[in-house]
Protein backbone atom coordinates (compact mmCIF):
# COMPACT_ATOMS: atom_id res chain seq x y z
CA UNK A 1 110.05 69.83 -7.76
CA UNK A 2 108.80 71.71 -10.82
CA UNK A 3 108.35 75.43 -10.28
CA UNK A 4 106.14 77.19 -12.79
CA UNK A 5 106.44 80.95 -13.23
CA UNK A 6 102.96 81.80 -14.50
CA UNK A 7 103.89 85.42 -15.29
CA UNK A 8 106.83 84.18 -17.34
CA UNK A 9 104.61 81.65 -19.07
CA UNK A 10 102.20 84.40 -20.13
CA UNK A 11 105.06 86.44 -21.63
CA UNK A 12 106.29 83.33 -23.44
CA UNK A 13 102.82 82.53 -24.78
CA UNK A 14 102.52 85.95 -26.41
CA UNK A 15 105.84 85.42 -28.21
CA UNK A 16 105.47 81.77 -29.18
CA UNK A 17 102.14 82.16 -30.95
CA UNK A 18 104.08 83.77 -33.79
CA UNK A 19 106.21 80.64 -34.12
CA UNK A 20 103.39 78.12 -34.36
CA UNK A 21 100.97 80.22 -36.41
CA UNK A 22 100.09 78.16 -39.46
CA UNK A 23 101.79 75.01 -38.15
CA UNK A 24 100.66 71.65 -39.43
CA UNK A 25 101.42 69.75 -36.22
CA UNK A 26 101.62 70.68 -32.56
CA UNK A 27 103.19 68.40 -29.95
CA UNK A 28 102.05 69.19 -26.40
CA UNK A 29 104.18 67.70 -23.62
CA UNK A 30 103.33 67.14 -19.98
CA UNK A 31 105.12 65.31 -17.17
CA UNK A 32 103.28 62.22 -15.91
CA UNK A 33 104.40 63.06 -12.37
CA UNK A 34 102.99 66.62 -12.48
CA UNK A 35 99.24 67.19 -12.89
CA UNK A 36 99.72 70.94 -13.30
CA UNK A 37 101.82 70.39 -16.42
CA UNK A 38 98.79 68.76 -18.05
CA UNK A 39 96.18 71.27 -16.89
CA UNK A 40 98.22 74.28 -18.04
CA UNK A 41 98.13 72.89 -21.59
CA UNK A 42 94.50 74.05 -21.85
CA UNK A 43 95.80 77.62 -22.14
CA UNK A 44 98.12 76.64 -24.98
CA UNK A 45 95.33 74.75 -26.75
CA UNK A 46 93.23 77.92 -26.76
CA UNK A 47 96.07 79.75 -28.54
CA UNK A 48 96.62 76.86 -30.95
CA UNK A 49 92.94 76.86 -31.84
CA UNK A 50 93.23 80.54 -32.68
CA UNK A 51 96.63 80.59 -34.43
CA UNK A 52 97.00 77.09 -35.92
CA UNK A 53 93.47 75.79 -36.20
CA UNK A 54 94.30 73.22 -38.91
CA UNK A 55 97.25 71.71 -37.05
CA UNK A 56 97.18 68.10 -35.94
CA UNK A 57 97.60 68.00 -32.17
CA UNK A 58 99.52 65.32 -30.29
CA UNK A 59 99.85 64.82 -26.54
CA UNK A 60 103.06 63.42 -25.06
CA UNK A 61 103.34 62.15 -21.50
CA UNK A 62 107.01 62.47 -20.58
CA UNK A 63 108.97 60.85 -17.73
CA UNK A 64 107.64 57.32 -18.10
CA UNK A 65 110.94 56.27 -16.55
CA UNK A 66 109.45 57.56 -13.27
CA UNK A 67 106.18 55.59 -13.55
CA UNK A 68 107.23 53.16 -10.80
CA UNK A 69 107.58 56.09 -8.41
CA UNK A 70 103.97 57.12 -8.99
CA UNK A 71 102.11 59.04 -11.62
CA UNK A 72 99.78 61.98 -11.04
CA UNK A 73 98.40 61.63 -14.58
CA UNK A 74 97.19 58.16 -15.50
CA UNK A 75 96.45 56.98 -19.05
CA UNK A 76 92.69 57.28 -18.62
CA UNK A 77 92.94 60.94 -17.59
CA UNK A 78 95.34 61.71 -20.46
CA UNK A 79 93.07 59.95 -22.98
CA UNK A 80 90.10 61.94 -21.68
CA UNK A 81 92.13 65.13 -22.07
CA UNK A 82 92.85 64.16 -25.68
CA UNK A 83 89.20 63.45 -26.43
CA UNK A 84 88.04 66.73 -24.86
CA UNK A 85 90.64 68.86 -26.68
CA UNK A 86 90.66 67.45 -30.21
CA UNK A 87 94.04 65.78 -29.85
CA UNK A 88 94.76 63.08 -32.41
CA UNK A 89 96.96 60.75 -30.39
CA UNK A 90 98.60 60.20 -27.01
CA UNK A 91 102.20 59.05 -26.61
CA UNK A 92 104.17 58.08 -23.52
CA UNK A 93 107.91 58.71 -23.67
CA UNK A 94 111.02 59.25 -21.60
CA UNK A 95 113.27 62.06 -22.73
CA UNK A 96 115.82 60.77 -20.20
CA UNK A 97 116.07 57.21 -21.54
CA UNK A 98 114.78 57.86 -25.06
CA UNK A 99 112.01 55.28 -24.68
CA UNK A 100 109.24 55.93 -27.20
CA UNK A 101 110.72 59.15 -28.58
CA UNK A 102 111.77 57.90 -32.02
CA UNK A 103 108.53 55.96 -32.45
CA UNK A 104 106.51 59.05 -31.53
CA UNK A 105 108.28 61.29 -34.06
CA UNK A 106 108.09 58.59 -36.76
CA UNK A 107 104.35 58.24 -36.17
CA UNK A 108 103.74 62.02 -36.18
CA UNK A 109 105.56 62.36 -39.52
CA UNK A 110 103.56 59.47 -41.02
CA UNK A 111 100.31 61.06 -39.86
CA UNK A 112 101.31 64.41 -41.34
CA UNK A 113 102.16 62.83 -44.67
CA UNK A 114 98.97 60.78 -44.81
CA UNK A 115 96.76 63.60 -43.51
CA UNK A 116 96.81 65.79 -46.59
CA UNK A 117 98.96 67.23 -49.29
CA UNK A 118 101.60 69.20 -47.47
CA UNK A 119 104.84 71.01 -47.97
CA UNK A 120 106.88 72.36 -45.13
CA UNK A 121 110.10 74.16 -45.98
CA UNK A 122 112.09 76.34 -43.64
CA UNK A 123 114.22 78.94 -45.38
CA UNK A 124 117.45 77.62 -43.88
CA UNK A 125 116.78 74.17 -45.43
CA UNK A 126 117.37 72.54 -42.05
CA UNK A 127 114.07 70.71 -42.24
CA UNK A 128 111.92 69.68 -45.17
CA UNK A 129 108.91 67.43 -45.55
CA UNK A 130 107.39 66.92 -48.96
CA UNK A 131 104.23 64.94 -49.48
CA UNK A 132 101.53 64.81 -52.09
CA UNK A 133 98.71 62.42 -51.32
CA UNK A 134 97.31 62.74 -54.84
CA UNK A 135 100.14 60.57 -56.19
CA UNK A 136 100.39 56.83 -55.98
CA UNK A 137 102.69 54.87 -53.68
CA UNK A 138 105.53 55.67 -56.08
CA UNK A 139 105.44 59.28 -54.94
CA UNK A 140 108.53 60.65 -53.30
CA UNK A 141 108.44 61.96 -49.79
CA UNK A 142 111.34 62.66 -47.59
CA UNK A 143 112.64 64.31 -44.52
CA UNK A 144 116.08 65.83 -44.38
CA UNK A 145 117.32 67.12 -41.09
């Protein structure tokens, strides 16, 4: 059973907007066995639209390992949610088994690189993405984690 503390979520939302302000990509995650986890994302999308309007948005349905036990959020509903909220792509993954996780992150990075010229550098050098779409296929791009 998932228990959502809506008062706690509101406090968290006010703090996290500072972290994703100016982001180039946002990954929104819901649990396929919990409809509320999808519907609550509408609140986050409103903040994203305000604080990171140029970010690519991705929707991730987690817990596909539980699909045989029943899903409250089917693919059609998730795809409709994407279409209605300007989300670029839908992924289905299992954080428990790892199914689809690597492929999702690989795809998100490729879309970021191909989307536009971008440079993301954190001061601690823990993560860097360099891309320049004005160069030919000989251009260098990389990710160091």
